[in-house]
Amino acid sequence: QVQLVESGGGLVQTGGSLRLSCAASGSFFSIMGWYRQAPGKQRELVATITSGGTTNYAESGKDRFTISRDNAKNTVYLQMNSLKPEDTAVYYCYARLYILLANRDYWGQGTQVTVSS
């Protein structure tokens, strides 16, 4: 019963900030992160973070977004600053569970982020 529950999405003006949260349950995940998908586009990487704190960012958000996680709370966060209209998308929490040779990927239900001009 793995579950990833996102929160923190909403409507913000250009230049504003949002902080997304993803609370995981059912397991502890070696890699967690965020992807996003805009209408008519493929789902794309935003950022990932390992349990040890190693981060990876897509170029689009590298200078504006910060991913972090609280292992005690089994929660991953995405701090988004200087938001632009092109950041508008559904943001999905992602988690990878390593089980020997049978790794499993999980996705949250998504949270809408809308950036108005």
N, C-alpha and C. Protein backbone atom coordinates (compact mmCIF):
# COMPACT_ATOMS: atom_id res chain seq x y z
N GLN A 1 0.82 -1.20 0.00
CA GLN A 1 0.00 0.00 0.00
C GLN A 1 0.85 1.26 0.00
N VAL A 2 1.76 1.32 -0.96
CA VAL A 2 2.57 2.52 -1.12
C VAL A 2 1.67 3.67 -1.56
N GLN A 3 1.88 4.81 -0.96
CA GLN A 3 1.09 5.97 -1.29
C GLN A 3 1.97 7.22 -1.24
N LEU A 4 1.85 8.06 -2.25
CA LEU A 4 2.53 9.33 -2.30
C LEU A 4 1.47 10.41 -2.43
N VAL A 5 1.44 11.32 -1.48
CA VAL A 5 0.41 12.34 -1.44
C VAL A 5 1.05 13.71 -1.54
N GLU A 6 0.77 14.41 -2.64
CA GLU A 6 1.31 15.74 -2.85
C GLU A 6 0.40 16.80 -2.25
N SER A 7 1.00 17.92 -1.90
CA SER A 7 0.26 19.08 -1.46
C SER A 7 1.09 20.32 -1.74
N GLY A 8 0.44 21.46 -1.70
CA GLY A 8 1.14 22.72 -1.84
C GLY A 8 0.98 23.41 -3.18
N GLY A 9 0.34 22.76 -4.13
CA GLY A 9 0.11 23.40 -5.40
C GLY A 9 -0.92 24.50 -5.30
N GLY A 10 -1.02 25.27 -6.36
CA GLY A 10 -1.98 26.35 -6.37
C GLY A 10 -1.67 27.37 -7.44
N LEU A 11 -2.28 28.52 -7.28
CA LEU A 11 -2.13 29.62 -8.22
C LEU A 11 -1.21 30.67 -7.63
N VAL A 12 -0.24 31.08 -8.42
CA VAL A 12 0.71 32.10 -7.97
C VAL A 12 1.05 33.00 -9.15
N GLN A 13 1.38 34.23 -8.85
CA GLN A 13 1.78 35.17 -9.90
C GLN A 13 3.22 34.95 -10.31
N THR A 14 3.54 35.41 -11.50
CA THR A 14 4.91 35.37 -11.97
C THR A 14 5.85 36.01 -10.96
N GLY A 15 6.93 35.31 -10.66
CA GLY A 15 7.88 35.79 -9.67
C GLY A 15 7.62 35.30 -8.27
N GLY A 16 6.49 34.67 -8.06
CA GLY A 16 6.15 34.18 -6.75
C GLY A 16 6.78 32.84 -6.43
N SER A 17 6.41 32.30 -5.28
CA SER A 17 7.00 31.06 -4.80
C SER A 17 5.93 30.09 -4.34
N LEU A 18 6.25 28.82 -4.44
CA LEU A 18 5.42 27.76 -3.89
C LEU A 18 6.33 26.70 -3.31
N ARG A 19 5.82 26.01 -2.31
CA ARG A 19 6.54 24.90 -1.71
C ARG A 19 5.66 23.66 -1.77
N LEU A 20 6.08 22.70 -2.56
CA LEU A 20 5.36 21.45 -2.69
C LEU A 20 5.88 20.43 -1.69
N SER A 21 4.98 19.62 -1.19
CA SER A 21 5.33 18.55 -0.28
C SER A 21 4.77 17.24 -0.80
N CYS A 22 5.49 16.17 -0.52
CA CYS A 22 5.04 14.83 -0.87
C CYS A 22 5.30 13.92 0.31
N ALA A 23 4.24 13.47 0.92
CA ALA A 23 4.34 12.57 2.06
C ALA A 23 4.20 11.14 1.58
N ALA A 24 5.21 10.35 1.83
CA ALA A 24 5.22 8.95 1.40
C ALA A 24 4.84 8.04 2.56
N SER A 25 4.21 6.95 2.22
CA SER A 25 3.87 5.94 3.21
C SER A 25 3.97 4.57 2.57
N GLY A 26 4.13 3.57 3.39
CA GLY A 26 4.19 2.20 2.91
C GLY A 26 5.59 1.66 2.70
N SER A 27 6.57 2.54 2.62
CA SER A 27 7.95 2.13 2.43
C SER A 27 8.86 3.34 2.58
N PHE A 28 10.14 3.08 2.60
CA PHE A 28 11.14 4.13 2.55
C PHE A 28 11.86 4.03 1.22
N PHE A 29 12.02 5.16 0.55
CA PHE A 29 12.48 5.17 -0.83
C PHE A 29 13.88 5.75 -0.97
N SER A 30 14.71 5.05 -1.72
CA SER A 30 16.07 5.50 -1.93
C SER A 30 16.13 6.79 -2.73
N ILE A 31 15.25 6.90 -3.72
CA ILE A 31 15.20 8.08 -4.56
C ILE A 31 13.78 8.63 -4.58
N MET A 32 13.66 9.91 -4.35
CA MET A 32 12.39 10.59 -4.47
C MET A 32 12.60 11.85 -5.30
N GLY A 33 11.53 12.34 -5.88
CA GLY A 33 11.68 13.53 -6.68
C GLY A 33 10.38 14.04 -7.22
N TRP A 34 10.52 14.95 -8.17
CA TRP A 34 9.39 15.61 -8.78
C TRP A 34 9.52 15.62 -10.28
N TYR A 35 8.43 15.31 -10.95
CA TYR A 35 8.29 15.47 -12.38
C TYR A 35 7.10 16.38 -12.63
N ARG A 36 7.02 16.91 -13.84
CA ARG A 36 5.88 17.75 -14.17
C ARG A 36 5.43 17.46 -15.59
N GLN A 37 4.18 17.74 -15.85
CA GLN A 37 3.61 17.54 -17.17
C GLN A 37 2.61 18.63 -17.48
N ALA A 38 2.89 19.35 -18.55
CA ALA A 38 1.98 20.36 -19.05
C ALA A 38 1.13 19.76 -20.17
N PRO A 39 -0.04 20.32 -20.43
CA PRO A 39 -0.88 19.79 -21.50
C PRO A 39 -0.14 19.74 -22.84
N GLY A 40 -0.23 18.60 -23.51
CA GLY A 40 0.42 18.44 -24.79
C GLY A 40 1.89 18.15 -24.73
N LYS A 41 2.44 18.03 -23.54
CA LYS A 41 3.86 17.77 -23.39
C LYS A 41 4.11 16.46 -22.66
N GLN A 42 5.31 15.95 -22.82
CA GLN A 42 5.73 14.76 -22.10
C GLN A 42 6.02 15.10 -20.64
N ARG A 43 5.86 14.12 -19.80
CA ARG A 43 6.26 14.30 -18.42
C ARG A 43 7.77 14.45 -18.36
N GLU A 44 8.24 15.44 -17.61
CA GLU A 44 9.66 15.73 -17.58
C GLU A 44 10.17 15.83 -16.15
N LEU A 45 11.43 15.50 -16.01
CA LEU A 45 12.10 15.59 -14.72
C LEU A 45 12.18 17.03 -14.24
N VAL A 46 11.92 17.24 -12.97
CA VAL A 46 12.18 18.52 -12.32
C VAL A 46 13.41 18.39 -11.42
N ALA A 47 13.36 17.46 -10.50
CA ALA A 47 14.48 17.24 -9.59
C ALA A 47 14.32 15.92 -8.88
N THR A 48 15.42 15.33 -8.47
CA THR A 48 15.40 14.13 -7.65
C THR A 48 16.40 14.28 -6.51
N ILE A 49 16.20 13.47 -5.50
CA ILE A 49 17.10 13.48 -4.35
C ILE A 49 17.17 12.08 -3.77
N THR A 50 18.36 11.65 -3.41
CA THR A 50 18.54 10.35 -2.79
C THR A 50 18.35 10.47 -1.29
N SER A 51 18.29 9.32 -0.64
CA SER A 51 18.17 9.32 0.81
C SER A 51 19.39 9.94 1.48
N GLY A 52 20.52 9.92 0.78
CA GLY A 52 21.73 10.52 1.29
C GLY A 52 21.88 11.99 0.99
N GLY A 53 20.95 12.56 0.23
CA GLY A 53 20.96 13.99 -0.03
C GLY A 53 21.54 14.41 -1.36
N THR A 54 21.91 13.47 -2.21
CA THR A 54 22.41 13.82 -3.53
C THR A 54 21.27 14.28 -4.41
N THR A 55 21.42 15.45 -5.02
CA THR A 55 20.35 16.04 -5.81
C THR A 55 20.70 16.09 -7.28
N ASN A 56 19.65 16.13 -8.08
CA ASN A 56 19.77 16.28 -9.52
C ASN A 56 18.64 17.17 -10.00
N TYR A 57 18.96 18.17 -10.81
CA TYR A 57 17.98 19.12 -11.29
C TYR A 57 17.96 19.18 -12.80
N ALA A 58 16.77 19.34 -13.34
CA ALA A 58 16.66 19.70 -14.74
C ALA A 58 17.13 21.14 -14.91
N GLU A 59 17.62 21.45 -16.09
CA GLU A 59 18.16 22.77 -16.33
C GLU A 59 17.12 23.87 -16.14
N SER A 60 15.88 23.57 -16.45
CA SER A 60 14.82 24.58 -16.37
C SER A 60 14.61 25.13 -14.98
N GLY A 61 14.87 24.32 -13.97
CA GLY A 61 14.65 24.77 -12.60
C GLY A 61 15.88 24.82 -11.74
N LYS A 62 17.02 24.59 -12.33
CA LYS A 62 18.25 24.44 -11.56
C LYS A 62 18.57 25.65 -10.69
N ASP A 63 18.34 26.84 -11.20
CA ASP A 63 18.69 28.06 -10.49
C ASP A 63 17.57 28.60 -9.63
N ARG A 64 16.40 28.00 -9.72
CA ARG A 64 15.23 28.53 -9.04
C ARG A 64 14.58 27.57 -8.06
N PHE A 65 14.80 26.28 -8.26
CA PHE A 65 14.13 25.27 -7.45
C PHE A 65 15.12 24.60 -6.51
N THR A 66 14.61 24.17 -5.37
CA THR A 66 15.42 23.44 -4.41
C THR A 66 14.64 22.24 -3.91
N ILE A 67 15.22 21.06 -4.07
CA ILE A 67 14.59 19.86 -3.57
C ILE A 67 15.26 19.46 -2.26
N SER A 68 14.47 18.97 -1.34
CA SER A 68 14.98 18.51 -0.06
C SER A 68 14.09 17.38 0.45
N ARG A 69 14.57 16.69 1.46
CA ARG A 69 13.74 15.63 2.05
C ARG A 69 14.02 15.52 3.53
N ASP A 70 13.01 15.10 4.22
CA ASP A 70 13.08 14.83 5.64
C ASP A 70 12.87 13.34 5.81
N ASN A 71 13.93 12.62 6.01
CA ASN A 71 13.84 11.16 6.08
C ASN A 71 13.01 10.69 7.27
N ALA A 72 13.09 11.43 8.36
CA ALA A 72 12.30 11.06 9.54
C ALA A 72 10.81 11.14 9.26
N LYS A 73 10.42 12.10 8.43
CA LYS A 73 9.01 12.26 8.08
C LYS A 73 8.65 11.55 6.78
N ASN A 74 9.66 10.99 6.11
CA ASN A 74 9.45 10.31 4.84
C ASN A 74 8.75 11.23 3.84
N THR A 75 9.25 12.45 3.78
CA THR A 75 8.63 13.50 2.98
C THR A 75 9.68 14.21 2.14
N VAL A 76 9.31 14.50 0.91
CA VAL A 76 10.18 15.25 0.02
C VAL A 76 9.51 16.58 -0.31
N TYR A 77 10.32 17.62 -0.47
CA TYR A 77 9.81 18.96 -0.71
C TYR A 77 10.42 19.52 -1.99
N LEU A 78 9.70 20.44 -2.58
CA LEU A 78 10.22 21.20 -3.71
C LEU A 78 9.91 22.67 -3.48
N GLN A 79 10.93 23.44 -3.19
CA GLN A 79 10.78 24.88 -3.05
C GLN A 79 10.99 25.52 -4.41
N MET A 80 9.98 26.21 -4.90
CA MET A 80 10.03 26.82 -6.21
C MET A 80 9.96 28.33 -6.06
N ASN A 81 10.99 29.01 -6.49
CA ASN A 81 11.07 30.45 -6.44
C ASN A 81 11.12 31.03 -7.85
N SER A 82 10.83 32.31 -7.94
CA SER A 82 10.87 33.03 -9.22
C SER A 82 10.10 32.29 -10.30
N LEU A 83 8.90 31.91 -9.97
CA LEU A 83 8.09 31.10 -10.88
C LEU A 83 7.72 31.87 -12.14
N LYS A 84 7.64 31.13 -13.23
CA LYS A 84 7.32 31.67 -14.54
C LYS A 84 6.09 30.97 -15.09
N PRO A 85 5.38 31.61 -16.02
CA PRO A 85 4.23 30.94 -16.61
C PRO A 85 4.55 29.57 -17.21
N GLU A 86 5.75 29.40 -17.75
CA GLU A 86 6.12 28.12 -18.32
C GLU A 86 6.31 27.02 -17.29
N ASP A 87 6.28 27.38 -16.01
CA ASP A 87 6.31 26.37 -14.95
C ASP A 87 4.94 25.76 -14.70
N THR A 88 3.92 26.31 -15.32
CA THR A 88 2.57 25.80 -15.14
C THR A 88 2.49 24.35 -15.62
N ALA A 89 2.05 23.48 -14.74
CA ALA A 89 1.98 22.06 -15.05
C ALA A 89 1.38 21.32 -13.86
N VAL A 90 1.08 20.06 -14.07
CA VAL A 90 0.78 19.18 -12.96
C VAL A 90 2.10 18.60 -12.49
N TYR A 91 2.36 18.74 -11.21
CA TYR A 91 3.60 18.25 -10.63
C TYR A 91 3.34 16.94 -9.90
N TYR A 92 4.14 15.94 -10.24
CA TYR A 92 3.97 14.60 -9.71
C TYR A 92 5.14 14.22 -8.81
N CYS A 93 4.82 13.71 -7.67
CA CYS A 93 5.83 13.14 -6.80
C CYS A 93 6.23 11.77 -7.32
N TYR A 94 7.51 11.48 -7.25
CA TYR A 94 8.06 10.23 -7.75
C TYR A 94 8.90 9.57 -6.67
N ALA A 95 8.83 8.26 -6.61
CA ALA A 95 9.66 7.52 -5.67
C ALA A 95 10.06 6.19 -6.28
N ARG A 96 11.30 5.81 -6.02
CA ARG A 96 11.80 4.52 -6.48
C ARG A 96 12.16 3.67 -5.28
N LEU A 97 11.63 2.47 -5.29
CA LEU A 97 11.89 1.51 -4.24
C LEU A 97 12.77 0.40 -4.78
N TYR A 98 13.90 0.18 -4.14
CA TYR A 98 14.81 -0.88 -4.55
C TYR A 98 14.48 -2.15 -3.79
N ILE A 99 14.12 -3.18 -4.53
CA ILE A 99 13.85 -4.49 -3.97
C ILE A 99 14.68 -5.50 -4.74
N LEU A 100 15.89 -5.71 -4.28
CA LEU A 100 16.83 -6.59 -4.96
C LEU A 100 16.93 -6.17 -6.42
N LEU A 101 16.58 -7.07 -7.35
CA LEU A 101 16.67 -6.76 -8.77
C LEU A 101 15.35 -6.28 -9.36
N ALA A 102 14.34 -6.18 -8.54
CA ALA A 102 13.02 -5.78 -9.02
C ALA A 102 12.66 -4.41 -8.45
N ASN A 103 13.26 -3.39 -9.01
CA ASN A 103 12.96 -2.03 -8.57
C ASN A 103 11.55 -1.64 -8.97
N ARG A 104 10.95 -0.80 -8.17
CA ARG A 104 9.59 -0.36 -8.43
C ARG A 104 9.50 1.16 -8.37
N ASP A 105 8.78 1.72 -9.31
CA ASP A 105 8.54 3.15 -9.36
C ASP A 105 7.10 3.46 -8.96
N TYR A 106 6.94 4.53 -8.22
CA TYR A 106 5.63 4.95 -7.76
C TYR A 106 5.42 6.42 -8.06
N TRP A 107 4.17 6.78 -8.24
CA TRP A 107 3.79 8.15 -8.58
C TRP A 107 2.65 8.63 -7.71
N GLY A 108 2.71 9.89 -7.36
CA GLY A 108 1.59 10.51 -6.69
C GLY A 108 0.51 10.88 -7.69
N GLN A 109 -0.57 11.41 -7.18
CA GLN A 109 -1.71 11.75 -8.03
C GLN A 109 -1.52 13.07 -8.77
N GLY A 110 -0.57 13.86 -8.35
CA GLY A 110 -0.27 15.12 -8.99
C GLY A 110 -0.93 16.30 -8.30
N THR A 111 -0.28 17.43 -8.36
CA THR A 111 -0.83 18.67 -7.84
C THR A 111 -0.61 19.77 -8.86
N GLN A 112 -1.65 20.54 -9.10
CA GLN A 112 -1.61 21.56 -10.13
C GLN A 112 -0.87 22.80 -9.65
N VAL A 113 0.05 23.26 -10.47
CA VAL A 113 0.73 24.53 -10.26
C VAL A 113 0.42 25.43 -11.44
N THR A 114 -0.15 26.58 -11.16
CA THR A 114 -0.48 27.53 -12.20
C THR A 114 0.18 28.87 -11.89
N VAL A 115 0.94 29.36 -12.84
CA VAL A 115 1.64 30.63 -12.69
C VAL A 115 1.03 31.62 -13.67
N SER A 116 0.45 32.67 -13.15
CA SER A 116 -0.20 33.67 -13.97
C SER A 116 0.73 34.84 -14.23
N SER A 117 0.54 35.48 -15.37
CA SER A 117 1.34 36.62 -15.73
C SER A 117 0.73 37.91 -15.22
